[in-house]
Protein backbone atom coordinates (compact mmCIF):
# COMPACT_ATOMS: atom_id res chain seq x y z
CA UNK A 1 17.68 4.97 14.63
CA UNK A 2 17.32 3.49 10.90
CA UNK A 3 20.54 2.04 9.11
CA UNK A 4 20.63 2.38 5.37
CA UNK A 5 22.17 -0.12 2.91
CA UNK A 6 22.53 -0.18 -0.60
CA UNK A 7 20.95 -3.01 -3.42
CA UNK A 8 24.45 -4.26 -3.90
CA UNK A 9 24.92 -4.64 0.19
CA UNK A 10 21.56 -6.20 0.41
CA UNK A 11 21.83 -8.77 -2.38
CA UNK A 12 25.33 -10.16 -0.62
CA UNK A 13 23.59 -10.94 2.38
CA UNK A 14 20.44 -12.18 0.90
CA UNK A 15 21.77 -15.76 0.82
CA UNK A 16 21.75 -15.62 4.16
CA UNK A 17 18.37 -14.63 4.61
CA UNK A 18 17.10 -17.00 1.88
CA UNK A 19 19.20 -19.99 2.62
CA UNK A 20 16.84 -22.39 0.56
CA UNK A 21 17.43 -20.10 -2.64
CA UNK A 22 13.75 -19.83 -3.14
CA UNK A 23 13.31 -18.24 -7.01
CA UNK A 24 10.36 -17.39 -9.13
CA UNK A 25 9.33 -16.08 -12.60
CA UNK A 26 8.33 -12.69 -12.89
CA UNK A 27 4.89 -11.66 -10.73
CA UNK A 28 2.47 -9.34 -11.60
CA UNK A 29 4.92 -7.68 -14.38
CA UNK A 30 7.35 -7.40 -11.59
CA UNK A 31 10.58 -8.92 -13.35
CA UNK A 32 12.13 -12.09 -11.96
CA UNK A 33 15.54 -10.33 -10.89
CA UNK A 34 13.21 -7.86 -8.83
CA UNK A 35 11.46 -11.00 -7.64
CA UNK A 36 14.93 -13.03 -6.26
CA UNK A 37 16.78 -10.09 -5.51
CA UNK A 38 14.28 -8.27 -3.17
CA UNK A 39 10.81 -9.42 -2.82
CA UNK A 40 11.46 -13.20 -1.82
CA UNK A 41 14.35 -11.94 0.57
CA UNK A 42 12.40 -9.25 2.02
CA UNK A 43 9.37 -12.20 3.06
CA UNK A 44 11.70 -14.65 4.44
CA UNK A 45 13.17 -11.83 6.33
CA UNK A 46 9.69 -10.86 7.84
CA UNK A 47 8.70 -13.83 8.45
CA UNK A 48 11.62 -14.84 10.66
CA UNK A 49 10.78 -12.11 12.89
CA UNK A 50 9.78 -13.49 16.48
CA UNK A 51 6.29 -11.97 16.57
CA UNK A 52 5.33 -14.02 13.03
CA UNK A 53 6.83 -16.92 14.71
CA UNK A 54 5.01 -16.39 18.14
CA UNK A 55 1.75 -15.90 15.35
CA UNK A 56 2.14 -19.22 13.90
CA UNK A 57 2.43 -21.19 16.94
CA UNK A 58 -0.76 -19.91 18.13
CA UNK A 59 -3.97 -20.19 16.19
CA UNK A 60 -5.63 -17.60 18.34
CA UNK A 61 -3.00 -15.01 17.21
CA UNK A 62 -3.80 -14.65 13.20
CA UNK A 63 -3.62 -12.66 11.59
CA UNK A 64 -0.35 -11.34 11.42
CA UNK A 65 -0.79 -7.61 9.80
CA UNK A 66 1.54 -6.00 7.17
CA UNK A 67 1.15 -2.48 5.84
CA UNK A 68 2.34 -1.13 2.80
CA UNK A 69 2.33 2.82 2.40
CA UNK A 70 3.78 5.67 0.35
CA UNK A 71 2.49 8.26 -2.14
CA UNK A 72 -0.19 8.08 -4.65
CA UNK A 73 0.86 6.12 -7.71
CA UNK A 74 4.37 4.81 -6.12
CA UNK A 75 3.57 1.18 -6.44
CA UNK A 76 1.55 0.12 -3.10
CA UNK A 77 -1.09 -2.23 -4.83
CA UNK A 78 1.46 -4.25 -7.12
CA UNK A 79 4.15 -4.29 -3.88
CA UNK A 80 1.34 -5.65 -1.66
CA UNK A 81 -0.03 -8.31 -4.63
CA UNK A 82 3.30 -9.73 -5.21
CA UNK A 83 4.10 -10.36 -1.35
CA UNK A 84 0.73 -11.94 -1.50
CA UNK A 85 1.05 -14.05 -4.25
CA UNK A 86 4.89 -15.55 -2.71
CA UNK A 87 3.21 -15.82 0.50
CA UNK A 88 0.13 -18.02 -0.41
CA UNK A 89 2.29 -20.41 -2.64
CA UNK A 90 4.65 -22.67 -1.73
CA UNK A 91 6.79 -23.00 0.44
CA UNK A 92 4.63 -20.95 2.85
CA UNK A 93 1.17 -21.49 1.63
CA UNK A 94 -0.76 -18.91 4.28
CA UNK A 95 -3.84 -17.79 3.75
CA UNK A 96 -3.05 -14.13 2.59
CA UNK A 97 -5.61 -11.31 1.86
CA UNK A 98 -4.59 -7.68 0.30
CA UNK A 99 -6.95 -5.03 1.44
CA UNK A 100 -6.41 -1.35 0.43
CA UNK A 101 -7.72 1.48 2.67
CA UNK A 102 -9.52 2.64 -0.12
CA UNK A 103 -12.45 1.15 0.09
CA UNK A 104 -12.92 3.07 3.40
CA UNK A 105 -13.13 6.40 1.16
CA UNK A 106 -15.86 8.21 1.74
CA UNK A 107 -18.24 8.18 -1.41
CA UNK A 108 -18.42 10.96 -3.93
CA UNK A 109 -21.70 12.32 -2.63
CA UNK A 110 -20.70 12.31 0.95
CA UNK A 111 -17.39 14.07 0.00
CA UNK A 112 -19.52 16.27 -2.16
CA UNK A 113 -22.21 17.34 0.67
CA UNK A 114 -18.71 18.10 2.58
CA UNK A 115 -17.77 20.36 -0.21
CA UNK A 116 -14.51 18.29 0.01
CA UNK A 117 -14.61 16.35 -3.36
CA UNK A 118 -11.11 18.18 -3.84
CA UNK A 119 -9.92 16.20 -0.57
CA UNK A 120 -9.88 13.03 -1.55
CA UNK A 121 -6.94 10.90 0.05
CA UNK A 122 -6.20 13.66 2.67
CA UNK A 123 -6.76 11.74 6.12
CA UNK A 124 -10.57 12.98 6.38
CA UNK A 125 -11.85 11.89 3.38
CA UNK A 126 -11.57 8.23 4.89
CA UNK A 127 -14.11 6.79 7.04
CA UNK A 128 -11.41 6.17 9.80
CA UNK A 129 -13.61 4.26 12.17
CA UNK A 130 -14.67 1.99 9.94
CA UNK A 131 -10.88 0.84 8.80
CA UNK A 132 -10.47 0.04 13.06
CA UNK A 133 -13.84 -1.68 13.24
CA UNK A 134 -12.29 -3.61 10.20
CA UNK A 135 -8.85 -4.25 11.54
CA UNK A 136 -10.54 -5.22 15.30
CA UNK A 137 -12.66 -8.13 13.68
CA UNK A 138 -9.77 -9.17 11.20
CA UNK A 139 -7.80 -9.34 14.53
CA UNK A 140 -9.78 -11.93 16.01
CA UNK A 141 -9.92 -14.23 13.09
CA UNK A 142 -13.05 -13.57 11.83
CA UNK A 143 -14.89 -12.65 8.68
CA UNK A 144 -15.73 -9.08 7.88
CA UNK A 145 -17.72 -7.55 4.87
CA UNK A 146 -16.24 -4.46 3.32
CA UNK A 147 -16.98 -1.82 0.57
CA UNK A 148 -15.39 -2.19 -2.54
CA UNK A 149 -13.94 1.05 -4.09
CA UNK A 150 -13.71 1.67 -8.17
CA UNK A 151 -10.46 3.11 -9.18
CA UNK A 152 -12.56 3.22 -12.64
CA UNK A 153 -15.74 4.77 -11.61
CA UNK A 154 -13.70 6.62 -8.75
CA UNK A 155 -16.12 6.20 -6.14
CA UNK A 156 -16.99 3.70 -3.59
CA UNK A 157 -19.68 0.68 -5.07
CA UNK A 158 -22.56 -0.56 -4.04
CA UNK A 159 -20.96 -3.81 -4.07
CA UNK A 160 -18.80 -5.43 -1.01
CA UNK A 161 -16.21 -8.11 -0.17
CA UNK A 162 -16.13 -10.67 2.50
CA UNK A 163 -12.78 -11.00 3.92
CA UNK A 164 -12.56 -14.50 5.25
CA UNK A 165 -10.36 -15.60 8.38
CA UNK A 166 -6.77 -15.17 7.16
CA UNK A 167 -3.46 -15.69 8.48
CA UNK A 168 -1.42 -12.97 6.98
CA UNK A 169 -3.28 -9.46 6.07
CA UNK A 170 -1.61 -7.09 4.11
CA UNK A 171 -3.60 -3.90 4.26
CA UNK A 172 -2.28 -0.99 1.99
CA UNK A 173 -3.27 2.82 1.58
CA UNK A 174 -1.47 5.94 1.70
CA UNK A 175 -2.78 6.45 5.42
CA UNK A 176 -1.90 3.46 7.10
CA UNK A 177 0.50 5.25 9.26
CA UNK A 178 -0.94 8.55 9.98
CA UNK A 179 -2.82 9.89 12.99
CA UNK A 180 -6.31 10.02 12.64
CA UNK A 181 -7.84 12.96 10.90
CA UNK A 182 -8.33 15.84 13.35
CA UNK A 183 -12.39 15.27 13.25
CA UNK A 184 -11.91 11.77 14.79
CA UNK A 185 -8.97 12.34 16.84
CA UNK A 186 -10.55 13.70 20.14
CA UNK A 187 -12.82 10.42 20.28
CA UNK A 188 -10.58 7.99 18.54
CA UNK A 189 -8.62 5.70 20.82
CA UNK A 190 -7.08 3.82 18.62
CA UNK A 191 -5.05 4.29 14.98
CA UNK A 192 -4.13 1.82 12.47
CA UNK A 193 -0.73 1.55 12.83
CA UNK A 194 -0.93 -0.09 16.41
CA UNK A 195 -2.69 -2.98 14.59
CA UNK A 196 0.45 -3.61 12.43
CA UNK A 197 2.70 -5.94 13.43
CA UNK A 198 5.20 -4.85 10.18
CA UNK A 199 5.16 -1.86 7.94
CA UNK A 200 6.93 -1.01 4.55
CA UNK A 201 7.20 2.39 3.41
CA UNK A 202 7.73 2.81 -0.03
CA UNK A 203 9.61 5.77 -1.20
CA UNK A 204 11.00 7.61 -4.39
CA UNK A 205 11.74 10.99 -5.37
CA UNK A 206 8.88 13.55 -5.79
CA UNK A 207 9.40 14.41 -9.27
CA UNK A 208 9.38 10.48 -9.94
CA UNK A 209 6.67 9.75 -8.61
CA UNK A 210 4.53 12.72 -10.18
CA UNK A 211 5.75 10.93 -13.70
CA UNK A 212 4.67 7.95 -12.42
CA UNK A 213 0.79 9.60 -11.48
CA UNK A 214 0.89 11.20 -14.93
CA UNK A 215 1.54 7.61 -16.85
CA UNK A 216 -1.13 6.46 -15.19
CA UNK A 217 -3.55 9.47 -15.41
CA UNK A 218 -3.19 9.14 -19.26
CA UNK A 219 -3.66 5.60 -19.10
CA UNK A 220 -7.04 5.83 -17.70
CA UNK A 221 -7.96 8.40 -19.71
CA UNK A 222 -7.43 6.17 -22.77
CA UNK A 223 -9.06 3.83 -21.23
CA UNK A 224 -12.06 6.05 -20.86
CA UNK A 225 -12.70 6.55 -24.23
CA UNK A 226 -14.47 2.90 -24.34
CA UNK A 227 -16.60 3.43 -21.48
CA UNK A 228 -18.80 5.88 -20.34
CA UNK A 229 -19.20 4.78 -16.88
CA UNK A 230 -15.64 5.88 -16.31
CA UNK A 231 -14.46 8.86 -14.04
CA UNK A 232 -11.75 10.00 -16.42
CA UNK A 233 -14.77 9.87 -19.28
CA UNK A 234 -14.82 13.87 -18.69
CA UNK A 235 -10.89 13.94 -19.69
CA UNK A 236 -11.34 11.77 -23.11
CA UNK A 237 -11.73 14.49 -25.44
CA UNK A 238 -8.25 16.29 -24.12
CA UNK A 239 -5.42 15.91 -26.22
CA UNK A 240 -2.53 14.31 -24.68
CA UNK A 241 -0.90 17.98 -24.18
CA UNK A 242 -4.12 19.12 -22.22
CA UNK A 243 -4.37 15.87 -19.93
CA UNK A 244 -0.29 15.72 -19.34
CA UNK A 245 -1.20 19.37 -17.95
CA UNK A 246 -4.20 18.49 -15.91
CA UNK A 247 -2.42 15.78 -14.01
CA UNK A 248 0.21 18.21 -13.42
CA UNK A 249 -1.90 20.83 -11.86
CA UNK A 250 -3.77 17.91 -9.94
CA UNK A 251 -0.53 16.84 -8.56
CA UNK A 252 0.73 20.35 -7.70
CA UNK A 253 -2.38 21.16 -6.09
CA UNK A 254 -3.52 17.93 -4.26
CA UNK A 255 -1.25 14.80 -4.43
CA UNK A 256 2.07 17.08 -3.59
CA UNK A 257 0.07 18.97 -0.54
CA UNK A 258 -0.82 15.43 0.84
CA UNK A 259 2.21 13.88 0.44
CA UNK A 260 4.55 16.72 2.08
CA UNK A 261 1.93 17.38 5.18
CA UNK A 262 0.30 13.73 5.51
CA UNK A 263 1.83 10.62 3.95
CA UNK A 264 5.31 11.75 3.76
CA UNK A 265 5.70 12.44 7.64
CA UNK A 266 4.56 8.81 8.47
CA UNK A 267 7.59 7.16 7.40
CA UNK A 268 9.02 7.48 10.93
CA UNK A 269 6.60 4.71 12.28
CA UNK A 270 7.72 2.34 9.14
CA UNK A 271 9.58 -0.74 10.08
CA UNK A 272 11.36 -0.66 6.62
CA UNK A 273 12.05 1.81 4.00
CA UNK A 274 12.12 0.87 0.28
CA UNK A 275 13.75 3.79 -1.83
CA UNK A 276 12.60 2.96 -5.80
CA UNK A 277 14.60 4.10 -8.70
CA UNK A 278 12.56 5.37 -11.82
CA UNK A 279 12.20 1.67 -13.35
CA UNK A 280 10.68 0.66 -9.75
CA UNK A 281 13.50 -1.18 -8.93
CA UNK A 282 14.74 -0.78 -5.57
CA UNK A 283 18.41 1.06 -4.64
CA UNK A 284 18.10 1.31 -0.98
CA UNK A 285 16.72 -0.44 2.28
CA UNK A 286 16.33 1.26 5.48
CA UNK A 287 15.58 -0.64 9.28
CA UNK A 288 16.87 -1.18 12.43
CA UNK A 289 20.37 -2.69 12.24
CA UNK A 290 19.39 -5.87 13.77
CA UNK A 291 16.87 -6.56 10.95
CA UNK A 292 20.13 -6.60 8.20
CA UNK A 293 22.00 -9.03 10.86
CA UNK A 294 20.11 -11.33 12.35
């Protein structure tokens, strides 16, 4: 059973968690108060776990894998990148990489052939065995080449990225705590969450996430006006009201069902749940009682 504490109580116990009083400026647009009150104590607490101490006491047990999940548009990518910036810099200096499971989406061409482009982001739209293969190689502290997904073109590109051997691997995506899709579940013996040493679920009220999604959608449409390669070029002539209505329709018909049926239920497997306010600040934390008291 997870315990829930509010931000005020978390800040009160933070000096015990962060006795060196490590502090930072803004990181990737996240304000300093959020970095110092939430992110740095979180990193310190995660690093104090017995599994991690065992990992760094034995180089054959790299990497330590942290999973970050939650709804579309909840801020997973930014959260993961902030963790990386903290962990790869003094005083930690860990070799840290961030990988998104978006890189393992099937191409639009494949989804079109399967008449499943409207199901993009649902479990069956990911190449699940490829994610498992990536984790198997990474867990053996070896280099691995992965595809690259572009949010600009809304598709897998023809480029790849080499992920080197790393001490801390942060994998973020909507599906990392979910059960495998039905199309592979009968033959797939391993699941993504089995590879995670620690997992974080970012949570917020659905109406708030919908607003974040709409705002992001409008920004993509605005940027598309200067790029013919953008997937969102097809929407560049819409008025703001039309684009807002389209974003709302996409949310209600695709993102909301995905959240309720697949993403949301996976929260039960998270080691840590962080609840966000409208300004993206964390207002509640949930974890096992000993995680707050040790």
